[in-house]
N, C-alpha and C. Protein backbone atom coordinates (compact mmCIF):
# COMPACT_ATOMS: atom_id res chain seq x y z
N MET A 1 12.05 41.35 35.45
CA MET A 1 11.64 40.23 34.52
C MET A 1 10.91 39.37 35.38
N SER A 2 9.66 38.95 34.95
CA SER A 2 8.83 38.09 35.59
C SER A 2 8.62 36.85 34.78
N LEU A 3 8.40 35.64 35.43
CA LEU A 3 7.98 34.57 34.64
C LEU A 3 6.38 34.45 34.86
N ILE A 4 5.83 34.05 33.74
CA ILE A 4 4.37 34.01 33.88
C ILE A 4 4.14 32.49 33.76
N GLU A 5 3.39 31.99 34.84
CA GLU A 5 2.98 30.56 34.74
C GLU A 5 1.69 30.38 34.00
N PHE A 6 1.73 29.42 33.03
CA PHE A 6 0.52 29.16 32.20
C PHE A 6 0.03 27.83 32.63
N ASP A 7 -1.29 27.57 32.71
CA ASP A 7 -1.75 26.30 33.11
C ASP A 7 -2.39 25.75 31.84
N PHE A 8 -1.87 24.52 31.38
CA PHE A 8 -2.35 23.96 30.20
C PHE A 8 -3.04 22.76 30.62
N GLU A 9 -4.30 22.47 29.95
CA GLU A 9 -4.98 21.38 30.28
C GLU A 9 -4.57 20.18 29.13
N ARG A 10 -4.23 19.04 29.63
CA ARG A 10 -3.76 18.05 28.82
C ARG A 10 -4.94 17.26 28.36
N HIS A 11 -5.17 17.09 27.15
CA HIS A 11 -6.46 16.40 26.60
C HIS A 11 -6.22 14.95 26.55
N SER A 12 -5.01 14.47 26.60
CA SER A 12 -4.78 13.00 26.49
C SER A 12 -3.67 12.57 27.22
N ASN A 13 -3.59 11.39 27.69
CA ASN A 13 -2.29 10.84 28.43
C ASN A 13 -1.39 10.46 27.32
N PRO A 14 -0.04 10.92 27.28
CA PRO A 14 0.94 10.48 26.34
C PRO A 14 1.19 9.00 26.20
N VAL A 15 0.93 8.26 27.34
CA VAL A 15 0.93 6.78 27.32
C VAL A 15 -0.04 6.29 26.30
N ASP A 16 -1.28 6.78 26.17
CA ASP A 16 -2.28 6.41 25.20
C ASP A 16 -1.67 6.47 23.75
N VAL A 17 -0.96 7.61 23.51
CA VAL A 17 -0.32 7.70 22.33
C VAL A 17 0.70 6.58 22.02
N ILE A 18 1.55 6.25 23.09
CA ILE A 18 2.52 5.19 22.86
C ILE A 18 1.73 3.92 22.68
N GLU A 19 0.75 3.59 23.37
CA GLU A 19 -0.01 2.35 23.17
C GLU A 19 -0.55 2.26 21.73
N HIS A 20 -1.13 3.36 21.21
CA HIS A 20 -1.50 3.35 19.89
C HIS A 20 -0.45 3.15 18.84
N VAL A 21 0.69 3.65 19.06
CA VAL A 21 1.85 3.30 18.14
C VAL A 21 2.31 2.00 18.23
N ALA A 22 2.31 1.50 19.42
CA ALA A 22 2.83 0.13 19.71
C ALA A 22 1.78 -0.87 18.93
N ALA A 23 0.48 -0.58 19.09
CA ALA A 23 -0.53 -1.46 18.36
C ALA A 23 -0.38 -1.30 16.81
N LEU A 24 -0.20 -0.13 16.35
CA LEU A 24 -0.03 0.01 14.91
C LEU A 24 1.25 -0.56 14.38
N GLU A 25 2.38 -0.74 15.24
CA GLU A 25 3.59 -1.17 14.83
C GLU A 25 3.64 -2.74 14.95
N ASP A 26 2.67 -3.30 15.64
CA ASP A 26 2.57 -4.72 16.03
C ASP A 26 3.77 -5.04 17.08
N TRP A 27 4.05 -4.04 17.80
CA TRP A 27 5.04 -4.30 18.97
C TRP A 27 4.31 -5.06 19.98
N ILE A 28 5.10 -5.93 20.75
CA ILE A 28 4.53 -6.53 21.87
C ILE A 28 4.58 -5.64 23.09
N PHE A 29 3.46 -5.44 23.73
CA PHE A 29 3.54 -4.46 24.82
C PHE A 29 2.43 -4.86 25.83
N GLU A 30 2.78 -4.27 27.01
CA GLU A 30 1.83 -4.49 28.15
C GLU A 30 1.70 -3.01 28.81
N ARG A 31 0.46 -2.76 29.17
CA ARG A 31 0.04 -1.62 29.81
C ARG A 31 -0.07 -1.85 31.30
N SER A 32 0.74 -1.43 32.17
CA SER A 32 0.76 -1.89 33.50
C SER A 32 0.11 -0.77 34.41
N GLY A 33 -0.41 0.30 33.89
CA GLY A 33 -1.09 1.41 34.66
C GLY A 33 -1.49 2.58 33.58
N ASP A 34 -1.99 3.51 34.19
CA ASP A 34 -2.35 4.74 33.45
C ASP A 34 -1.06 5.40 32.77
N ASP A 35 -0.13 5.42 33.66
CA ASP A 35 1.15 6.14 33.22
C ASP A 35 2.39 5.48 32.89
N GLU A 36 2.01 4.02 32.48
CA GLU A 36 3.23 3.28 32.17
C GLU A 36 2.98 2.22 31.20
N ILE A 37 3.91 1.94 30.19
CA ILE A 37 3.65 0.89 29.18
C ILE A 37 5.00 0.20 28.98
N THR A 38 5.10 -1.12 28.84
CA THR A 38 6.27 -1.72 28.51
C THR A 38 6.27 -2.31 27.07
N VAL A 39 7.30 -2.18 26.29
CA VAL A 39 7.44 -2.64 24.91
C VAL A 39 8.46 -3.67 24.97
N SER A 40 8.22 -4.81 24.31
CA SER A 40 9.24 -5.84 24.40
C SER A 40 9.54 -5.94 22.82
N THR A 41 11.02 -6.22 22.56
CA THR A 41 11.53 -6.36 21.28
C THR A 41 12.82 -7.28 21.41
N THR A 42 13.12 -8.03 20.33
CA THR A 42 14.17 -8.84 20.33
C THR A 42 15.37 -8.13 19.54
N GLY A 43 16.54 -8.10 20.17
CA GLY A 43 17.70 -7.51 19.55
C GLY A 43 18.56 -8.53 18.97
N MET A 44 19.79 -8.19 18.64
CA MET A 44 20.87 -9.15 18.16
C MET A 44 21.35 -9.95 19.43
N TRP A 45 21.56 -9.20 20.46
CA TRP A 45 22.30 -9.86 21.64
C TRP A 45 21.35 -10.38 22.77
N CYS A 46 20.16 -9.82 22.82
CA CYS A 46 19.21 -10.22 23.97
C CYS A 46 17.81 -9.53 23.62
N ASP A 47 16.84 -9.97 24.38
CA ASP A 47 15.51 -9.32 24.40
C ASP A 47 15.67 -8.05 25.21
N TYR A 48 14.89 -7.14 24.67
CA TYR A 48 14.86 -5.70 25.53
C TYR A 48 13.29 -5.47 25.97
N HIS A 49 13.19 -5.03 27.08
CA HIS A 49 11.98 -4.59 27.68
C HIS A 49 12.20 -3.04 27.95
N VAL A 50 11.38 -2.35 27.20
CA VAL A 50 11.53 -0.89 27.32
C VAL A 50 10.33 -0.31 27.82
N SER A 51 10.51 0.37 29.03
CA SER A 51 9.42 0.90 29.77
C SER A 51 9.35 2.38 29.44
N PHE A 52 8.26 2.87 29.13
CA PHE A 52 7.82 4.22 28.91
C PHE A 52 6.97 4.71 30.05
N SER A 53 7.31 5.75 30.79
CA SER A 53 6.47 6.28 31.86
C SER A 53 6.14 7.73 31.69
N TRP A 54 4.90 8.05 31.87
CA TRP A 54 4.51 9.46 31.89
C TRP A 54 4.76 9.98 33.23
N MET A 55 5.60 11.15 33.29
CA MET A 55 6.00 11.78 34.53
C MET A 55 5.33 13.15 34.49
N GLU A 56 4.04 13.12 35.10
CA GLU A 56 3.34 14.27 35.00
C GLU A 56 3.82 15.54 35.61
N GLU A 57 4.50 15.42 36.68
CA GLU A 57 5.17 16.46 37.58
C GLU A 57 6.14 17.20 36.82
N VAL A 58 6.86 16.60 35.80
CA VAL A 58 7.84 17.18 34.97
C VAL A 58 7.49 17.29 33.40
N GLU A 59 6.27 16.75 33.18
CA GLU A 59 5.61 16.71 31.80
C GLU A 59 6.68 16.20 30.83
N ALA A 60 7.04 14.95 31.15
CA ALA A 60 8.06 14.23 30.34
C ALA A 60 7.65 12.84 30.24
N VAL A 61 7.93 12.17 29.09
CA VAL A 61 7.99 10.71 28.85
C VAL A 61 9.34 10.21 29.12
N HIS A 62 9.30 9.26 30.10
CA HIS A 62 10.72 8.68 30.45
C HIS A 62 10.83 7.37 29.92
N LEU A 63 11.83 7.09 29.26
CA LEU A 63 12.12 5.66 28.72
C LEU A 63 13.27 5.06 29.45
N ALA A 64 13.10 3.91 29.81
CA ALA A 64 14.13 3.15 30.54
C ALA A 64 14.18 1.69 29.85
N CYS A 65 15.43 1.29 29.46
CA CYS A 65 15.79 -0.04 28.92
C CYS A 65 16.90 -0.68 29.79
N ALA A 66 16.62 -1.83 30.39
CA ALA A 66 17.58 -2.46 31.08
C ALA A 66 18.17 -3.75 30.37
N PHE A 67 19.54 -3.99 30.57
CA PHE A 67 20.09 -5.00 30.03
C PHE A 67 19.80 -6.23 31.00
N ASP A 68 19.84 -7.44 30.33
CA ASP A 68 19.81 -8.68 31.17
C ASP A 68 21.18 -8.95 31.67
N LEU A 69 21.66 -8.19 32.48
CA LEU A 69 23.09 -8.26 32.94
C LEU A 69 23.08 -7.77 34.48
N LYS A 70 23.62 -8.59 35.20
CA LYS A 70 23.87 -8.24 36.65
C LYS A 70 25.29 -7.90 36.94
N VAL A 71 25.45 -6.63 37.33
CA VAL A 71 26.81 -6.31 37.74
C VAL A 71 27.37 -6.73 39.09
N THR A 72 28.34 -7.36 39.28
CA THR A 72 28.96 -7.84 40.53
C THR A 72 29.57 -6.67 41.23
N ASP A 73 29.66 -6.69 42.67
CA ASP A 73 30.20 -5.64 43.35
C ASP A 73 31.80 -5.45 42.72
N ALA A 74 32.33 -6.62 42.45
CA ALA A 74 33.82 -6.45 42.09
C ALA A 74 34.03 -5.77 40.62
N ARG A 75 33.00 -5.77 39.78
CA ARG A 75 33.06 -5.04 38.52
C ARG A 75 32.39 -3.67 38.42
N ARG A 76 31.88 -3.23 39.53
CA ARG A 76 31.08 -2.01 39.62
C ARG A 76 31.94 -0.72 39.11
N THR A 77 33.25 -0.58 39.69
CA THR A 77 34.10 0.43 39.27
C THR A 77 34.41 0.47 37.93
N GLU A 78 34.72 -0.61 37.32
CA GLU A 78 34.93 -0.84 35.92
C GLU A 78 33.75 -0.42 35.06
N ILE A 79 32.65 -1.01 35.47
CA ILE A 79 31.35 -0.62 34.73
C ILE A 79 31.07 0.85 34.76
N THR A 80 31.27 1.47 35.85
CA THR A 80 31.08 2.97 35.84
C THR A 80 32.07 3.73 35.13
N ARG A 81 33.39 3.15 34.92
CA ARG A 81 34.25 3.78 34.02
C ARG A 81 33.75 3.69 32.53
N LEU A 82 33.21 2.51 32.28
CA LEU A 82 32.64 2.28 30.89
C LEU A 82 31.51 3.06 30.65
N ILE A 83 30.59 3.20 31.52
CA ILE A 83 29.43 4.14 31.32
C ILE A 83 29.93 5.51 31.06
N ALA A 84 30.82 6.10 31.75
CA ALA A 84 31.29 7.51 31.49
C ALA A 84 31.89 7.54 30.13
N ILE A 85 32.68 6.63 29.83
CA ILE A 85 33.19 6.70 28.33
C ILE A 85 32.11 6.41 27.12
N VAL A 86 31.24 5.62 27.35
CA VAL A 86 30.08 5.45 26.47
C VAL A 86 29.22 6.66 26.31
N ASN A 87 28.90 7.16 27.60
CA ASN A 87 28.03 8.42 27.51
C ASN A 87 28.65 9.67 26.87
N GLU A 88 29.91 9.64 26.78
CA GLU A 88 30.60 10.82 26.09
C GLU A 88 30.37 10.67 24.56
N GLN A 89 29.99 9.35 24.19
CA GLN A 89 29.75 9.27 22.67
C GLN A 89 28.29 9.32 22.24
N LEU A 90 27.43 9.40 23.24
CA LEU A 90 25.99 9.45 22.93
C LEU A 90 25.58 10.81 22.70
N TRP A 91 24.62 11.02 21.70
CA TRP A 91 24.01 12.45 21.51
C TRP A 91 22.86 12.58 22.27
N LEU A 92 22.09 11.40 22.43
CA LEU A 92 20.84 11.36 23.05
C LEU A 92 20.80 10.15 24.21
N GLY A 93 20.06 10.46 25.22
CA GLY A 93 20.05 9.31 26.33
C GLY A 93 21.39 9.22 26.98
N HIS A 94 21.32 8.22 27.90
CA HIS A 94 22.50 7.95 28.66
C HIS A 94 22.29 6.65 29.40
N PHE A 95 23.56 6.09 29.71
CA PHE A 95 23.51 4.88 30.55
C PHE A 95 23.74 5.11 31.96
N ASP A 96 23.02 4.37 32.80
CA ASP A 96 23.18 4.47 34.32
C ASP A 96 23.57 3.09 34.80
N LEU A 97 24.10 3.10 36.02
CA LEU A 97 24.07 1.79 36.91
C LEU A 97 23.26 2.09 38.08
N TRP A 98 22.21 1.30 38.09
CA TRP A 98 21.34 1.28 39.20
C TRP A 98 22.05 0.48 40.34
N SER A 99 22.74 1.21 41.22
CA SER A 99 23.51 0.48 42.06
C SER A 99 22.82 -0.50 43.07
N LYS A 100 21.60 -0.23 43.54
CA LYS A 100 20.97 -1.11 44.36
C LYS A 100 20.59 -2.49 43.80
N GLU A 101 20.14 -2.44 42.41
CA GLU A 101 19.88 -3.60 41.76
C GLU A 101 21.02 -4.16 40.96
N GLY A 102 22.11 -3.43 40.73
CA GLY A 102 23.34 -3.74 39.92
C GLY A 102 22.90 -3.97 38.55
N VAL A 103 22.04 -3.07 38.10
CA VAL A 103 21.67 -3.28 36.58
C VAL A 103 22.09 -2.06 35.65
N VAL A 104 22.53 -2.27 34.41
CA VAL A 104 22.91 -1.16 33.60
C VAL A 104 21.63 -0.96 32.90
N MET A 105 21.32 0.40 32.75
CA MET A 105 20.03 0.76 32.18
C MET A 105 20.34 2.04 31.23
N TYR A 106 19.66 2.03 29.98
CA TYR A 106 19.70 3.09 29.18
C TYR A 106 18.45 3.98 29.48
N ARG A 107 18.66 5.21 29.61
CA ARG A 107 17.49 6.25 29.86
C ARG A 107 17.48 7.44 28.93
N HIS A 108 16.28 7.84 28.66
CA HIS A 108 16.03 9.00 27.82
C HIS A 108 14.71 9.58 28.21
N ALA A 109 14.53 10.76 27.99
CA ALA A 109 13.17 11.45 28.28
C ALA A 109 12.92 12.41 27.21
N LEU A 110 11.53 12.54 27.00
CA LEU A 110 11.02 13.53 25.99
C LEU A 110 10.25 14.51 26.83
N LEU A 111 10.56 15.76 26.80
CA LEU A 111 9.92 16.82 27.42
C LEU A 111 8.64 17.32 26.47
N LEU A 112 7.58 17.26 27.27
CA LEU A 112 6.24 17.67 26.59
C LEU A 112 5.57 18.79 27.25
N SER A 113 6.23 19.84 27.81
CA SER A 113 5.72 20.83 28.54
C SER A 113 4.75 21.72 27.65
N GLY A 114 3.75 22.33 28.42
CA GLY A 114 2.82 23.07 27.82
C GLY A 114 1.59 22.47 27.05
N GLY A 115 1.42 21.20 27.54
CA GLY A 115 0.29 20.42 27.01
C GLY A 115 0.54 19.71 25.68
N LEU A 116 1.80 19.50 25.30
CA LEU A 116 2.09 18.89 23.95
C LEU A 116 1.92 17.34 24.17
N ALA A 117 1.63 16.63 23.15
CA ALA A 117 1.48 15.30 22.93
C ALA A 117 2.62 14.74 22.18
N PRO A 118 3.05 13.50 22.37
CA PRO A 118 4.06 12.97 21.55
C PRO A 118 3.71 12.49 20.25
N THR A 119 4.53 12.57 19.30
CA THR A 119 4.08 12.04 17.98
C THR A 119 4.58 10.74 17.77
N SER A 120 3.91 10.00 16.78
CA SER A 120 4.39 8.59 16.56
C SER A 120 5.98 8.53 16.14
N ARG A 121 6.41 9.52 15.38
CA ARG A 121 7.75 9.50 15.08
C ARG A 121 8.75 9.72 16.20
N GLN A 122 8.34 10.50 17.13
CA GLN A 122 9.05 10.82 18.35
C GLN A 122 9.14 9.39 19.19
N ILE A 123 8.11 8.83 19.37
CA ILE A 123 8.03 7.47 19.99
C ILE A 123 8.88 6.45 19.37
N GLU A 124 8.67 6.26 18.15
CA GLU A 124 9.59 5.42 17.33
C GLU A 124 10.95 5.66 17.39
N GLY A 125 11.36 7.04 17.28
CA GLY A 125 12.71 7.47 17.50
C GLY A 125 13.35 7.15 18.81
N MET A 126 12.45 7.26 19.84
CA MET A 126 13.06 6.92 21.19
C MET A 126 13.33 5.50 21.30
N LEU A 127 12.37 4.73 20.86
CA LEU A 127 12.54 3.24 20.85
C LEU A 127 13.79 2.85 20.08
N THR A 128 13.91 3.35 18.87
CA THR A 128 14.80 2.96 17.97
C THR A 128 16.20 3.26 18.57
N GLY A 129 16.39 4.58 19.06
CA GLY A 129 17.62 5.10 19.63
C GLY A 129 18.00 4.23 20.81
N ALA A 130 16.92 3.87 21.75
CA ALA A 130 17.33 2.97 22.84
C ALA A 130 17.93 1.64 22.42
N ILE A 131 17.32 1.03 21.48
CA ILE A 131 17.75 -0.31 21.06
C ILE A 131 19.02 -0.24 20.32
N GLU A 132 19.19 0.70 19.54
CA GLU A 132 20.50 1.00 18.86
C GLU A 132 21.75 1.10 19.68
N ALA A 133 21.50 1.97 20.85
CA ALA A 133 22.49 2.30 21.80
C ALA A 133 22.75 0.98 22.60
N CYS A 134 21.81 0.29 22.98
CA CYS A 134 22.01 -1.02 23.73
C CYS A 134 22.68 -2.11 22.94
N GLU A 135 22.21 -2.28 21.78
CA GLU A 135 22.87 -3.22 20.82
C GLU A 135 24.31 -2.72 20.62
N ARG A 136 24.64 -1.55 20.51
CA ARG A 136 25.95 -1.03 20.08
C ARG A 136 26.97 -1.45 21.22
N TYR A 137 26.52 -1.18 22.53
CA TYR A 137 27.47 -1.25 23.61
C TYR A 137 27.18 -2.56 24.40
N TYR A 138 26.26 -3.33 24.19
CA TYR A 138 25.95 -4.55 24.98
C TYR A 138 27.18 -5.41 25.23
N GLN A 139 27.90 -5.61 24.19
CA GLN A 139 28.98 -6.62 24.30
C GLN A 139 30.22 -5.86 25.20
N ALA A 140 30.38 -4.62 25.14
CA ALA A 140 31.29 -4.06 25.95
C ALA A 140 31.01 -4.21 27.49
N PHE A 141 29.77 -4.11 27.68
CA PHE A 141 29.28 -4.26 29.18
C PHE A 141 29.56 -5.80 29.58
N GLN A 142 29.14 -6.76 28.54
CA GLN A 142 29.40 -8.09 28.94
C GLN A 142 30.90 -8.36 29.00
N PHE A 143 31.78 -7.76 28.19
CA PHE A 143 33.24 -7.95 28.36
C PHE A 143 33.66 -7.58 29.70
N VAL A 144 33.20 -6.38 30.31
CA VAL A 144 33.71 -6.06 31.61
C VAL A 144 33.23 -6.91 32.56
N VAL A 145 32.00 -7.31 32.60
CA VAL A 145 31.30 -8.13 33.75
C VAL A 145 31.76 -9.63 33.66
N TRP A 146 31.77 -10.15 32.52
CA TRP A 146 32.17 -11.62 32.36
C TRP A 146 33.53 -12.10 32.06
N ALA A 147 34.12 -11.16 31.20
CA ALA A 147 35.45 -11.42 30.92
C ALA A 147 36.63 -10.70 31.58
N GLY A 148 36.13 -9.78 32.60
CA GLY A 148 37.12 -9.08 33.44
C GLY A 148 37.94 -8.03 32.76
N LYS A 149 37.42 -7.58 31.40
CA LYS A 149 38.20 -6.53 30.67
C LYS A 149 38.10 -5.22 31.36
N SER A 150 39.18 -4.24 31.12
CA SER A 150 39.05 -3.07 31.39
C SER A 150 37.99 -2.22 30.59
N ALA A 151 37.55 -1.14 30.86
CA ALA A 151 36.49 -0.36 30.29
C ALA A 151 37.11 -0.05 28.71
N GLN A 152 38.29 0.36 28.75
CA GLN A 152 38.87 0.71 27.41
C GLN A 152 38.98 -0.42 26.60
N GLU A 153 39.56 -1.70 27.05
CA GLU A 153 39.61 -2.88 26.42
C GLU A 153 38.18 -3.28 25.82
N ALA A 154 37.27 -3.27 26.71
CA ALA A 154 36.01 -3.77 26.31
C ALA A 154 35.37 -2.96 25.22
N LEU A 155 35.42 -1.64 25.42
CA LEU A 155 34.97 -0.82 24.27
C LEU A 155 35.67 -0.97 22.93
N ALA A 156 37.03 -1.11 23.04
CA ALA A 156 37.71 -1.34 21.81
C ALA A 156 37.26 -2.58 21.03
N THR A 157 37.12 -3.60 21.83
CA THR A 157 36.80 -4.95 21.31
C THR A 157 35.38 -5.01 20.76
N ALA A 158 34.37 -4.33 21.66
CA ALA A 158 33.05 -4.42 21.15
C ALA A 158 32.69 -3.56 20.00
N LEU A 159 33.55 -2.40 19.75
CA LEU A 159 33.22 -1.51 18.60
C LEU A 159 34.16 -1.77 17.43
N PHE A 160 35.02 -2.87 17.48
CA PHE A 160 35.86 -3.50 16.43
C PHE A 160 34.85 -3.82 15.28
N GLU A 161 35.13 -3.28 14.13
CA GLU A 161 34.28 -3.58 12.91
C GLU A 161 35.11 -4.20 11.87
N THR A 162 34.66 -5.36 11.25
CA THR A 162 35.41 -5.90 10.20
C THR A 162 34.88 -5.41 8.90
N ALA A 163 35.79 -5.54 7.90
CA ALA A 163 35.48 -5.06 6.46
C ALA A 163 35.48 -6.33 5.73
N GLY A 164 34.47 -6.48 4.85
CA GLY A 164 34.25 -7.63 3.97
C GLY A 164 33.87 -8.83 4.70
N GLU A 165 33.90 -10.04 3.93
CA GLU A 165 33.56 -11.22 4.60
C GLU A 165 34.61 -12.28 4.26
N ALA A 166 34.59 -13.24 5.19
CA ALA A 166 35.57 -14.25 5.15
C ALA A 166 35.07 -15.49 4.55
């Protein structure tokens, strides 16, 4: 069995598509280069800056969304535990701890091999999924770093949902 390598010519930069979608949706964005764009949006807990990067060598659009949260050395082990528990619950994307910077980050990638271009629905879905994941787990990360809670306690507290209104 042999693998045949096809060479596809890409007619547009996928970041151009993301910029077009951002402009149509009235998202606040900044294009920092040919292969990167940052979209800013306000969530319930904080502002998010979502970076989309075109990674030509693997033909993928990479999304990265960092929290405004610095993890101290003393809380790194517990944050790592929380990330493992949270990642088990995610269908798409994952959280990482960038140890050098001490930053929790949500990451996801869209594979576009063979010359494919992203659709507006895919870009909107990536951004929506990132913000929803960050919003859902933001407080758990805060509880571990600032309240000294264990990963299990923080997750249980953050995901506690009330019924009705008081």
